[in-house]
Protein backbone atom coordinates (compact mmCIF):
# COMPACT_ATOMS: atom_id res chain seq x y z
CA MET A 1 8.50 3.21 10.58
CA SER A 2 5.93 5.51 12.13
CA PHE A 3 2.36 4.51 12.90
CA ALA A 4 0.99 6.73 10.11
CA THR A 5 3.31 5.16 7.55
CA TYR A 6 2.41 1.68 8.77
CA TYR A 7 -1.32 2.28 8.50
CA MET A 8 -0.97 4.01 5.12
CA HIS A 9 0.85 0.91 3.84
CA LEU A 10 -1.92 -1.31 5.19
CA ILE A 11 -4.66 0.80 3.62
CA PHE A 12 -3.07 1.33 0.24
CA ALA A 13 -1.66 -2.19 -0.05
CA SER A 14 -5.18 -3.58 0.10
CA ILE A 15 -6.27 -1.35 -2.79
CA PRO A 16 -5.10 -2.84 -6.07
CA SER A 17 -3.62 -0.03 -8.11
CA LEU A 18 -1.03 0.72 -10.73
CA VAL A 19 1.11 2.79 -8.39
CA SER A 20 3.33 1.30 -5.73
CA PRO A 21 2.45 1.85 -2.05
CA ASP A 22 5.68 3.82 -1.58
CA LEU A 23 4.48 6.39 -4.11
CA ILE A 24 1.71 7.38 -1.66
CA LEU A 25 4.42 8.81 0.63
CA TYR A 26 5.26 11.29 -2.11
CA ILE A 27 1.69 11.99 -3.23
CA LEU A 28 0.24 12.84 0.20
CA PRO A 29 2.62 15.72 1.04
CA ILE A 30 2.22 17.16 -2.46
CA LEU A 31 -1.56 16.91 -2.13
CA THR A 32 -1.43 18.58 1.30
CA VAL A 33 0.67 21.47 0.00
CA ALA A 34 -1.61 21.87 -3.01
CA ILE A 35 -4.74 22.04 -0.84
CA LEU A 36 -3.04 24.55 1.46
CA PHE A 37 -1.91 26.67 -1.49
CA PHE A 38 -5.36 26.76 -3.11
CA SER A 39 -7.12 27.52 0.19
CA LEU A 40 -4.72 30.44 0.86
CA LYS A 41 -5.22 31.65 -2.70
CA ILE A 42 -8.99 31.63 -2.27
CA MET A 43 -8.78 33.33 1.14
CA PHE A 44 -6.50 36.18 0.08
CA TYR A 45 -6.96 36.72 -3.65
CA LYS A 46 -10.56 35.75 -4.34
CA ALA A 47 -12.05 36.97 -1.08
CA PRO A 48 -15.02 39.31 -1.40
CA LYS A 49 -14.14 42.96 -0.93
CA LEU A 50 -15.63 44.35 2.26
CA ARG A 51 -16.98 47.86 2.58
CA ARG A 52 -15.25 50.15 5.04
CA ALA A 53 -17.31 51.11 8.12
CA ARG A 54 -18.02 54.83 8.54
């Protein structure tokens, strides 16, 4: 078990919740990919159009 996994188990085991602590190992990568996807979407698709220099 890596240090990150160990500390995630310690943190999320102390929080009483309906989900199991092992579920966090699936949620965190999905959350990371979602944040990356939305930030790339904002950067490339919703970026303000710049005027061309003359």
